[in-house]
Amino acid sequence: MTLASINLSKLLSAYLARFPAESARLAPFAQLLTVTTPQSIFLRSTSPGHITASAFVLNADRLLLLHHLKLNRWLQPGGHVEHTDASLPAAAVREVFEETGIRQADLTLIPVAANPQVPLDIDIHPIPANLRKGEPAHFHHDFRYLFLHTGDPAITIDANESHNFRWQPLDSLAADPDFAGVVAKIRDLQLHLQTTSKKGPPMDVRMETVASIRVAYLRDHGPYHKVFQTLWPRFVPLAAQRGLLRPGARTLSIMQDSNTSTPPEKLRADAAVTIDDSFAGDADLQVQTLPGGKFAVGTHAGSYSELGNSWNALCGEGLAKKGLKIRIAACFEIYLNDPRTTPEAELRTELYLPIE
């Protein structure tokens, strides 16, 4: 995927489906889509405006702000999109690293819609002319994403970009006209996550050291919330024909890539079953060994359709409370019972998130 391949019209429609009251405010962006190309809309030389990306980084209910050198204002990290960025959230992550040194592993994207490319906010703001660079006055159409930070709040800023930094309590920004709308959205999102998590028992996050796991698997690519719906009906007959769904075997969904930095259509998804050495793989099913290590583990109770809420709870509040950092490795789910014979309310799924 390239930035130019992003369907921005669909992305805007998905955003407005989530925040319909902003349709009139974003009319200038809708107009910009009609007078630019998918390539030029990301270029900083494009007038009357172009897309930028920024990040609201939340740590213990405090928002990271940088005192911008040129604008003399407290702002979230962000900036121009580069042609090497795999996605808009990836552009925001890169800007955070460049301006603060915060690593991707310490950031967890908190999605506001099924498509993780949909931002928390789209802001249109004027940029004054820069005579030195030969840039006329123009507009930034800023795609702003929400990330949970679980690392050390003592960061190192880029002195060429910012004077200082601070972690500002979220409630203290509720009356600030520059941040009030964003604070309201974050609070609504937090309330939504808390409400949906109450549909089942509270998640008890525990730390486990897991041994390596040998599995037979079938792989496909695409957004995780969609691809597994078609992958599992293909995998189960193949595994059954080979006698792999035997008593004691565990079935898994494996998410090989981060949906923050990997384009949705390139995300690698594996439907898998644990195996012994008697199966070596064939033309249809391959074999892999998931590396062992430390994991944060939580148990999801109930329908598979609500697994996203439990993942959000594990990656968000669960890590924050334990002070844990995500390790770059595959995440996976292990299904503890058979959905064909188990009532939906009694289904149990263990979620495994790699940690340092």
Foldseek 3Di string as FASTA:
>chain_A
DWQLPDPVVVLVVQLCVLVVVCPVVCVVVVVVPVVDHSVCQQDPQDPLEHEKEAEFEDAPQWTKWFQWDPVRDTHGFIDGADRPAQARLSRHQVRCCQFWVQHPLQKDWDAPDLQNNRALDWDKDWDPADVVVPHHIHIYGYRYTYIYGLADPPTDGDVVTGDDMDGHRLVVCCPPVVCVVVSVSVVVSVVVLVVLCVVDPHKDKDKDWDAKFKKKKAKAAFRPVPPVVPRVVVPVVVCVVVVQPDPPKWWKKKFFARSSRHPGRGTMIITIITDDPPDCDDPGIHMDIFHTGMWIKIKDFFAPNSVVSVVCCCNHVVCSVVSWTFDNGMKMKIWPDDPVPDPRRGTMIMTTTHTD
